[in-house]
C-alpha cells in the first residue's frame, strides 16, 4: 500500500469500522463494491491525493470492519455511511460508490441530501436489473468459492419483511438535485450501459461518462481514464 495512505479505525453507530485516509483538499468518501473492500481505491487515492482528501471505509462485514455472522440489513449499510460522515465531521463530502457501494451512496444522497456535496455512481446496482449473463457469473463465482471452501467476500444480506433487494429509484432520481456523475463501462457484463443512459435521462443535474471496453470496474481496469474523469468532475463548480 502507498506510504501516504493511512489505515485507521473508528466506531460508527456502535460498530467497529476501519478506513483508509489520504491526501489533502475537499473531502471525498469512496465506497467499494459488493465483493471488494477499501483497498479497491488505493490507486485513485494515490493519483488524486494532492487535490482531495480521500476517506475509504470498509463497509460492515468487509475488510477490517466489524463482521457479524448473521449478516446485516441493507439499511444498516446506509446508516453506517451516514454515521461515518458524521463521526469524521466531513462537510458535505462528495460520495463515490462502485456497484453495490454506489447504491448505498445513492441511498444516503436521497435520505440525507444536505450531507452530500456531489455524487458519483460507478457501474452501480439498483438503477436497473442485472443481465442474465451477470446473474450466471455471480452464481458461478459463488459456486467456485463454495466448492473450494473459500470465504465469500461479502456478508449475508438480510431483508426485512416485505423488503426487496431490487427497488425502483425512478421517482427519487427525478428529485435528485445533487450534481451527479455516472461512470460506466461500455460493455459491463453485469449491468449494461443502457441502465446508465436511462438514469441520466431522469437525474436533473447529471453527467454521463462511458469508458470503452469490457468490465465492471473502470476505477481499477481503466484507472488513468477514470481518475481524469473523476478529478475533473470533483473540481468543477
Protein backbone atom coordinates (compact mmCIF):
# COMPACT_ATOMS: atom_id res chain seq x y z
CA UNK A 1 0.00 0.00 0.00
CA UNK A 2 1.14 3.56 -0.68
CA UNK A 3 3.07 5.02 2.26
CA UNK A 4 0.91 8.16 2.13
CA UNK A 5 -2.28 6.20 2.80
CA UNK A 6 -3.16 5.83 6.48
CA UNK A 7 -5.01 2.82 7.91
CA UNK A 8 -7.33 3.99 10.71
CA UNK A 9 -10.14 2.73 12.94
CA UNK A 10 -13.22 4.37 14.40
CA UNK A 11 -16.61 3.47 15.90
CA UNK A 12 -19.76 4.09 13.88
CA UNK A 13 -23.18 3.62 15.50
CA UNK A 14 -21.69 1.09 17.89
CA UNK A 15 -19.87 -0.83 15.15
CA UNK A 16 -16.11 -1.10 14.78
CA UNK A 17 -15.13 0.45 11.46
CA UNK A 18 -11.87 0.57 9.52
CA UNK A 19 -10.98 3.08 6.82
CA UNK A 20 -8.14 4.38 4.68
CA UNK A 21 -7.29 8.07 4.53
CA UNK A 22 -5.04 10.02 2.16
CA UNK A 23 -4.49 13.41 0.61
CA UNK A 24 -5.50 16.98 1.33
CA UNK A 25 -8.26 19.18 -0.01
CA UNK A 26 -12.06 18.88 -0.29
CA UNK A 27 -13.39 15.66 1.30
CA UNK A 28 -14.31 12.67 -0.85
CA UNK A 29 -15.71 9.40 0.52
CA UNK A 30 -15.01 6.29 -1.58
CA UNK A 31 -17.29 3.25 -1.18
CA UNK A 32 -16.22 -0.13 -2.53
CA UNK A 33 -18.38 -2.68 -4.33
CA UNK A 34 -20.14 -5.77 -3.04
CA UNK A 35 -17.21 -8.17 -3.44
CA UNK A 36 -14.35 -5.81 -2.57
CA UNK A 37 -13.07 -3.63 0.25
CA UNK A 38 -11.42 -0.23 0.75
CA UNK A 39 -8.20 -1.33 -0.98
CA UNK A 40 -10.05 -1.05 -4.29
CA UNK A 41 -9.50 2.70 -4.11
CA UNK A 42 -5.79 2.97 -3.30
CA UNK A 43 -4.90 3.80 -6.92
CA UNK A 44 -7.36 6.69 -7.03
CA UNK A 45 -6.23 7.92 -3.63
CA UNK A 46 -2.58 7.91 -4.69
CA UNK A 47 -3.32 9.57 -8.04
CA UNK A 48 -5.56 12.41 -6.83
CA UNK A 49 -4.41 12.78 -3.23
CA UNK A 50 -2.68 16.09 -3.96
CA UNK A 51 -6.10 17.63 -4.79
CA UNK A 52 -8.59 15.93 -2.47
CA UNK A 53 -8.86 14.35 0.98
CA UNK A 54 -9.98 10.75 0.50
CA UNK A 55 -11.72 8.54 3.04
CA UNK A 56 -12.36 4.91 2.05
CA UNK A 57 -14.16 2.83 4.69
CA UNK A 58 -14.59 -0.92 4.76
CA UNK A 59 -18.36 -1.39 4.88
CA UNK A 60 -19.87 -3.56 7.61
CA UNK A 61 -18.83 -7.18 7.15
CA UNK A 62 -15.96 -6.27 4.82
CA UNK A 63 -12.20 -5.87 5.12
CA UNK A 64 -11.12 -4.95 8.64
CA UNK A 65 -14.50 -3.59 9.77
CA UNK A 66 -16.77 -5.48 12.13
CA UNK A 67 -18.13 -8.80 10.88
CA UNK A 68 -21.37 -10.29 12.19
CA UNK A 69 -22.01 -13.87 11.19
CA UNK A 70 -25.77 -13.43 10.92
CA UNK A 71 -25.32 -10.60 8.41
CA UNK A 72 -26.70 -7.07 8.03
CA UNK A 73 -29.85 -5.38 6.82
CA UNK A 74 -29.46 -3.06 3.82
CA UNK A 75 -30.45 -0.04 5.92
CA UNK A 76 -27.52 -0.73 8.26
CA UNK A 77 -25.03 -0.06 5.45
CA UNK A 78 -26.70 3.26 4.66
CA UNK A 79 -26.77 4.22 8.34
CA UNK A 80 -23.11 3.20 8.67
CA UNK A 81 -22.16 5.51 5.79
CA UNK A 82 -24.17 8.41 7.23
CA UNK A 83 -22.60 7.76 10.63
CA UNK A 84 -19.13 7.69 9.07
CA UNK A 85 -19.68 11.18 7.62
CA UNK A 86 -20.93 12.45 10.98
CA UNK A 87 -18.22 10.79 13.07
CA UNK A 88 -15.41 12.23 10.94
CA UNK A 89 -17.25 15.59 10.78
CA UNK A 90 -16.95 15.77 7.00
CA UNK A 91 -18.56 18.87 5.50
CA UNK A 92 -20.75 17.86 2.53
CA UNK A 93 -18.26 15.41 1.04
CA UNK A 94 -18.53 14.01 -2.44
CA UNK A 95 -19.69 10.39 -2.33
CA UNK A 96 -18.18 7.99 -4.86
CA UNK A 97 -19.60 4.48 -4.94
CA UNK A 98 -18.92 1.43 -7.09
CA UNK A 99 -21.50 -1.27 -7.80
CA UNK A 100 -23.35 -2.11 -4.54
CA UNK A 101 -21.44 0.69 -2.82
CA UNK A 102 -22.96 3.10 -5.31
CA UNK A 103 -26.41 2.03 -4.21
CA UNK A 104 -25.61 2.92 -0.61
CA UNK A 105 -24.20 6.29 -1.70
CA UNK A 106 -27.40 6.93 -3.62
CA UNK A 107 -29.49 5.97 -0.59
CA UNK A 108 -27.61 8.49 1.56
CA UNK A 109 -27.98 11.20 -1.10
CA UNK A 110 -31.74 10.57 -1.19
CA UNK A 111 -32.24 10.27 2.56
CA UNK A 112 -29.79 12.95 3.78
CA UNK A 113 -29.08 15.12 0.75
CA UNK A 114 -27.83 18.02 2.88
CA UNK A 115 -24.88 15.84 3.91
CA UNK A 116 -23.70 15.28 0.33
CA UNK A 117 -21.94 17.78 -1.94
CA UNK A 118 -21.62 15.65 -5.08
CA UNK A 119 -22.49 12.09 -6.07
CA UNK A 120 -20.53 9.72 -8.32
CA UNK A 121 -22.08 6.36 -9.24
CA UNK A 122 -19.75 3.84 -10.88
CA UNK A 123 -21.42 0.82 -12.57
CA UNK A 124 -23.94 0.98 -9.75
CA UNK A 125 -26.55 -1.59 -8.77
CA UNK A 126 -30.16 -0.62 -8.14
CA UNK A 127 -30.65 1.55 -11.21
CA UNK A 128 -31.74 -1.40 -13.34
CA UNK A 129 -31.84 -5.19 -13.45
CA UNK A 130 -28.71 -7.27 -13.67
CA UNK A 131 -28.25 -9.05 -17.00
CA UNK A 132 -28.95 -12.77 -17.36
CA UNK A 133 -25.24 -13.35 -18.02
CA UNK A 134 -24.35 -11.29 -14.95
CA UNK A 135 -26.56 -13.46 -12.76
CA UNK A 136 -24.87 -16.55 -14.17
CA UNK A 137 -21.44 -15.07 -13.43
CA UNK A 138 -22.39 -14.32 -9.84
CA UNK A 139 -23.71 -17.85 -9.38
CA UNK A 140 -20.58 -19.33 -10.97
CA UNK A 141 -18.15 -17.45 -8.71
CA UNK A 142 -20.28 -18.22 -5.65
CA UNK A 143 -20.19 -21.91 -6.57
CA UNK A 144 -16.43 -21.93 -7.09
CA UNK A 145 -15.82 -20.39 -3.67
CA UNK A 146 -18.29 -22.82 -2.10
CA UNK A 147 -16.67 -25.84 -3.75
CA UNK A 148 -13.19 -24.86 -2.55
CA UNK A 149 -14.48 -23.83 0.89
CA UNK A 150 -13.34 -20.25 0.41
CA UNK A 151 -14.93 -17.44 2.38
CA UNK A 152 -17.45 -15.42 0.38
CA UNK A 153 -16.17 -11.83 0.01
CA UNK A 154 -19.44 -10.33 1.25
CA UNK A 155 -21.64 -10.72 4.35
CA UNK A 156 -25.10 -12.21 4.46
CA UNK A 157 -27.61 -9.60 3.31
CA UNK A 158 -30.77 -9.61 5.41
CA UNK A 159 -34.17 -8.33 4.25
CA UNK A 160 -36.99 -7.09 6.43
CA UNK A 161 -40.49 -8.42 5.83
CA UNK A 162 -41.81 -7.06 2.53
CA UNK A 163 -38.42 -5.59 1.57
CA UNK A 164 -36.86 -6.41 -1.79
CA UNK A 165 -33.20 -6.29 -2.77
CA UNK A 166 -34.16 -4.59 -6.02
CA UNK A 167 -36.21 -1.40 -5.82
CA UNK A 168 -37.25 1.34 -8.22
CA UNK A 169 -35.36 4.61 -7.87
CA UNK A 170 -37.09 6.44 -10.73
CA UNK A 171 -39.02 8.99 -8.65
CA UNK A 172 -36.04 9.53 -6.35
CA UNK A 173 -33.77 10.16 -9.34
CA UNK A 174 -36.14 12.79 -10.74
CA UNK A 175 -35.94 14.67 -7.43
CA UNK A 176 -32.17 14.31 -7.06
CA UNK A 177 -30.74 17.84 -7.20
CA UNK A 178 -27.16 17.00 -6.20
CA UNK A 179 -24.58 17.29 -9.01
CA UNK A 180 -24.20 13.69 -10.15
CA UNK A 181 -21.73 11.82 -12.33
CA UNK A 182 -22.40 8.37 -13.80
CA UNK A 183 -19.29 6.45 -14.87
CA UNK A 184 -19.91 3.19 -16.72
CA UNK A 185 -18.04 0.62 -18.75
CA UNK A 186 -19.32 0.39 -22.30
CA UNK A 187 -19.65 -3.38 -22.05
CA UNK A 188 -20.47 -4.24 -18.43
CA UNK A 189 -21.33 -7.97 -18.17
CA UNK A 190 -23.44 -7.38 -15.07
CA UNK A 191 -25.12 -4.02 -15.59
CA UNK A 192 -25.47 -2.87 -19.23
CA UNK A 193 -24.59 0.73 -20.05
CA UNK A 194 -28.21 1.22 -21.14
CA UNK A 195 -29.01 1.39 -17.41
CA UNK A 196 -26.76 4.44 -17.04
CA UNK A 197 -28.19 6.12 -20.14
CA UNK A 198 -31.72 5.66 -18.82
CA UNK A 199 -30.77 7.01 -15.37
CA UNK A 200 -29.09 10.01 -17.00
CA UNK A 201 -32.43 10.97 -18.54
CA UNK A 202 -34.07 11.03 -15.10
CA UNK A 203 -31.49 12.90 -12.99
CA UNK A 204 -31.75 16.71 -13.42
CA UNK A 205 -28.11 17.69 -12.80
CA UNK A 206 -26.11 14.81 -14.29
CA UNK A 207 -23.08 13.99 -16.40
CA UNK A 208 -22.53 10.60 -18.03
CA UNK A 209 -19.11 9.19 -18.90
CA UNK A 210 -18.93 5.84 -20.70
CA UNK A 211 -15.49 4.23 -20.60
CA UNK A 212 -14.72 1.98 -23.58
CA UNK A 213 -14.11 -1.73 -23.34
CA UNK A 214 -15.37 -4.65 -21.28
CA UNK A 215 -15.59 -4.86 -17.50
CA UNK A 216 -17.36 -3.78 -14.34
CA UNK A 217 -14.72 -1.72 -12.50
CA UNK A 218 -13.37 1.23 -14.54
CA UNK A 219 -11.63 2.68 -11.47
CA UNK A 220 -9.36 -0.39 -11.50
CA UNK A 221 -9.23 -1.56 -15.11
CA UNK A 222 -9.07 1.92 -16.65
CA UNK A 223 -7.62 3.83 -13.70
CA UNK A 224 -5.96 6.62 -15.70
CA UNK A 225 -9.11 7.48 -17.66
CA UNK A 226 -11.29 7.10 -14.57
CA UNK A 227 -9.14 9.31 -12.36
CA UNK A 228 -9.13 12.03 -15.03
CA UNK A 229 -12.94 11.92 -15.32
CA UNK A 230 -13.37 11.90 -11.54
CA UNK A 231 -10.87 14.69 -10.89
CA UNK A 232 -12.46 16.98 -13.46
CA UNK A 233 -15.95 16.42 -12.06
CA UNK A 234 -14.91 16.94 -8.44
CA UNK A 235 -13.14 20.21 -9.28
CA UNK A 236 -16.00 21.55 -11.40
CA UNK A 237 -18.15 24.05 -9.51
